[in-house]
N, C-alpha and C. Protein backbone atom coordinates (compact mmCIF):
# COMPACT_ATOMS: atom_id res chain seq x y z
N SER A 1 105.92 97.89 71.47
CA SER A 1 105.55 98.80 72.54
C SER A 1 104.10 98.56 72.93
N ALA A 2 103.81 98.65 74.22
CA ALA A 2 102.46 98.45 74.71
C ALA A 2 101.78 99.77 75.06
N THR A 3 102.33 100.88 74.60
CA THR A 3 101.76 102.18 74.92
C THR A 3 100.31 102.25 74.44
N GLY A 4 99.43 102.69 75.31
CA GLY A 4 98.03 102.83 74.96
C GLY A 4 97.22 101.57 75.06
N GLN A 5 97.81 100.48 75.51
CA GLN A 5 97.07 99.23 75.65
C GLN A 5 96.56 99.13 77.08
N TYR A 6 95.50 98.34 77.26
CA TYR A 6 94.83 98.27 78.55
C TYR A 6 94.93 96.89 79.18
N THR A 7 94.98 96.87 80.50
CA THR A 7 94.96 95.63 81.27
C THR A 7 93.86 95.72 82.31
N TYR A 8 93.48 94.60 82.89
CA TYR A 8 92.34 94.51 83.79
C TYR A 8 92.80 94.56 85.25
N PHE A 9 92.40 95.61 85.96
CA PHE A 9 92.65 95.78 87.40
C PHE A 9 91.33 95.62 88.14
N VAL A 10 91.35 95.06 89.35
CA VAL A 10 90.13 94.97 90.15
C VAL A 10 90.36 95.41 91.59
N HIS A 11 91.39 96.14 91.84
CA HIS A 11 91.70 96.55 93.20
C HIS A 11 92.18 98.00 93.22
N SER A 12 92.30 98.56 94.41
CA SER A 12 92.69 99.96 94.51
C SER A 12 94.03 100.15 95.22
N TYR A 13 94.83 99.11 95.33
CA TYR A 13 96.14 99.23 95.96
C TYR A 13 97.22 99.06 94.91
N TYR A 14 98.43 99.47 95.25
CA TYR A 14 99.53 99.34 94.31
C TYR A 14 100.83 99.17 95.06
N ALA A 15 101.81 98.66 94.35
CA ALA A 15 103.14 98.46 94.92
C ALA A 15 103.88 99.79 94.98
N ASP A 16 104.46 100.09 96.12
CA ASP A 16 105.30 101.27 96.28
C ASP A 16 106.74 100.79 96.13
N CYS A 17 107.32 101.03 94.97
CA CYS A 17 108.65 100.48 94.68
C CYS A 17 109.49 101.50 93.92
N PRO A 18 110.79 101.25 93.85
CA PRO A 18 111.65 102.18 93.11
C PRO A 18 111.26 102.25 91.64
N GLN A 19 111.26 103.44 91.09
CA GLN A 19 110.89 103.64 89.69
C GLN A 19 111.81 102.88 88.74
N THR A 20 113.02 102.59 89.18
CA THR A 20 114.00 101.91 88.33
C THR A 20 113.61 100.47 88.00
N ILE A 21 112.70 99.86 88.76
CA ILE A 21 112.29 98.49 88.46
C ILE A 21 110.92 98.41 87.79
N ILE A 22 110.29 99.56 87.53
CA ILE A 22 108.98 99.57 86.89
C ILE A 22 109.15 99.44 85.39
N THR A 23 108.60 98.36 84.83
CA THR A 23 108.65 98.10 83.40
C THR A 23 107.46 98.72 82.69
N ALA A 24 106.29 98.72 83.33
CA ALA A 24 105.08 99.31 82.76
C ALA A 24 104.23 99.84 83.91
N GLY A 25 103.50 100.89 83.62
CA GLY A 25 102.66 101.47 84.65
C GLY A 25 101.59 102.36 84.06
N VAL A 26 100.76 102.88 84.94
CA VAL A 26 99.69 103.80 84.54
C VAL A 26 99.71 104.99 85.48
N ASP A 27 99.43 106.17 84.94
CA ASP A 27 99.47 107.39 85.73
C ASP A 27 98.05 107.80 86.13
N TYR A 28 97.77 107.72 87.41
CA TYR A 28 96.51 108.20 87.98
C TYR A 28 96.81 109.32 88.97
N GLY A 29 97.71 110.21 88.58
CA GLY A 29 98.17 111.25 89.49
C GLY A 29 99.37 110.78 90.28
N VAL A 30 99.55 109.50 90.36
CA VAL A 30 100.70 108.82 90.93
C VAL A 30 100.97 107.64 90.01
N LEU A 31 102.22 107.30 89.80
CA LEU A 31 102.56 106.18 88.93
C LEU A 31 102.21 104.86 89.63
N ILE A 32 101.29 104.12 89.06
CA ILE A 32 100.91 102.82 89.59
C ILE A 32 101.60 101.76 88.74
N PRO A 33 102.53 101.00 89.33
CA PRO A 33 103.23 99.98 88.56
C PRO A 33 102.28 98.88 88.09
N SER A 34 102.37 98.53 86.82
CA SER A 34 101.63 97.39 86.28
C SER A 34 102.53 96.16 86.22
N ILE A 35 103.79 96.40 85.83
CA ILE A 35 104.78 95.32 85.76
C ILE A 35 106.08 95.84 86.37
N VAL A 36 106.66 95.04 87.24
CA VAL A 36 107.97 95.36 87.80
C VAL A 36 108.92 94.21 87.50
N GLN A 37 110.19 94.54 87.36
CA GLN A 37 111.18 93.50 87.10
C GLN A 37 112.51 93.91 87.71
N GLN A 38 113.10 92.97 88.41
CA GLN A 38 114.45 93.16 88.93
C GLN A 38 115.16 91.83 88.78
N ASP A 39 116.26 91.86 88.03
CA ASP A 39 117.00 90.65 87.71
C ASP A 39 116.05 89.64 87.07
N ASN A 40 115.94 88.44 87.63
CA ASN A 40 115.07 87.43 87.01
C ASN A 40 113.71 87.31 87.71
N VAL A 41 113.32 88.33 88.48
CA VAL A 41 112.02 88.33 89.15
C VAL A 41 111.11 89.34 88.45
N VAL A 42 109.91 88.87 88.06
CA VAL A 42 108.93 89.70 87.38
C VAL A 42 107.61 89.61 88.14
N GLY A 43 106.96 90.75 88.37
CA GLY A 43 105.66 90.77 89.02
C GLY A 43 104.68 91.61 88.22
N MET A 44 103.44 91.12 88.13
CA MET A 44 102.38 91.85 87.43
C MET A 44 101.32 92.26 88.44
N GLN A 45 100.91 93.52 88.41
CA GLN A 45 99.95 94.08 89.36
C GLN A 45 98.60 94.26 88.66
N PHE A 46 98.18 93.24 87.94
CA PHE A 46 96.88 93.24 87.27
C PHE A 46 96.57 91.80 86.91
N HIS A 47 95.47 91.56 86.24
CA HIS A 47 95.08 90.20 85.87
C HIS A 47 95.40 89.95 84.40
N PRO A 48 96.55 89.34 84.09
CA PRO A 48 96.86 89.09 82.67
C PRO A 48 95.86 88.12 82.03
N GLU A 49 95.34 87.18 82.81
CA GLU A 49 94.41 86.20 82.25
C GLU A 49 93.06 86.82 81.87
N LYS A 50 92.79 88.04 82.37
CA LYS A 50 91.55 88.74 82.03
C LYS A 50 91.80 89.96 81.16
N SER A 51 93.01 90.06 80.61
CA SER A 51 93.40 91.26 79.86
C SER A 51 93.48 91.00 78.36
N ALA A 52 92.68 90.09 77.87
CA ALA A 52 92.53 89.83 76.43
C ALA A 52 93.87 89.59 75.74
N THR A 53 94.02 90.13 74.57
CA THR A 53 95.21 89.91 73.74
C THR A 53 96.48 90.39 74.44
N VAL A 54 96.41 91.53 75.12
CA VAL A 54 97.58 92.07 75.82
C VAL A 54 98.05 91.08 76.90
N GLY A 55 97.11 90.57 77.68
CA GLY A 55 97.45 89.62 78.74
C GLY A 55 98.02 88.33 78.19
N LEU A 56 97.44 87.81 77.10
CA LEU A 56 97.95 86.58 76.50
C LEU A 56 99.37 86.78 75.99
N LYS A 57 99.64 87.93 75.37
CA LYS A 57 101.00 88.20 74.89
C LYS A 57 101.99 88.27 76.05
N LEU A 58 101.61 88.92 77.14
CA LEU A 58 102.49 89.02 78.30
C LEU A 58 102.76 87.64 78.91
N LEU A 59 101.72 86.81 79.01
CA LEU A 59 101.92 85.45 79.54
C LEU A 59 102.78 84.62 78.60
N THR A 60 102.59 84.77 77.30
CA THR A 60 103.41 84.05 76.32
C THR A 60 104.87 84.50 76.41
N ASP A 61 105.09 85.81 76.52
CA ASP A 61 106.45 86.33 76.66
C ASP A 61 107.09 85.84 77.96
N PHE A 62 106.31 85.79 79.04
CA PHE A 62 106.82 85.30 80.32
C PHE A 62 107.22 83.83 80.20
N LYS A 63 106.38 83.04 79.56
CA LYS A 63 106.70 81.62 79.35
C LYS A 63 108.00 81.47 78.57
N ARG A 64 108.17 82.29 77.54
CA ARG A 64 109.39 82.24 76.73
C ARG A 64 110.61 82.63 77.58
N MET A 65 110.47 83.64 78.45
CA MET A 65 111.58 84.04 79.33
C MET A 65 111.99 82.89 80.25
N VAL A 66 110.99 82.23 80.83
CA VAL A 66 111.27 81.12 81.74
C VAL A 66 111.93 79.98 80.98
N GLN A 67 111.41 79.65 79.79
CA GLN A 67 111.98 78.56 79.00
C GLN A 67 113.41 78.85 78.59
N THR A 68 113.69 80.09 78.22
CA THR A 68 115.06 80.48 77.86
C THR A 68 115.99 80.30 79.05
N TYR A 69 115.52 80.69 80.23
CA TYR A 69 116.33 80.52 81.44
C TYR A 69 116.58 79.04 81.72
N VAL A 70 115.54 78.22 81.64
CA VAL A 70 115.68 76.79 81.90
C VAL A 70 116.64 76.17 80.89
N ASP A 71 116.49 76.52 79.64
CA ASP A 71 117.38 75.97 78.59
C ASP A 71 118.83 76.37 78.84
N SER A 72 119.04 77.57 79.34
CA SER A 72 120.42 78.04 79.58
C SER A 72 121.08 77.31 80.74
N ARG A 73 120.28 76.70 81.61
CA ARG A 73 120.83 76.00 82.78
C ARG A 73 121.11 74.53 82.48
N ASN A 74 120.65 74.05 81.34
CA ASN A 74 120.86 72.62 80.99
C ASN A 74 122.07 72.44 80.12
């Protein structure tokens, strides 16, 4: 679980999307999606490369997801 972990944001806008596709978010009086996922599409609304250990883990997990998909197609 990533509860209580922090990521690096540098902007003041956010994606307005259905709550059903929000994987992670932050509450600033309104739910701001940090990660959204629908089927095999994943989007991150922050800078994982500037988010220290949390960002590296997310990028590593994303790489593993892509590799698993590629392997399943071969």
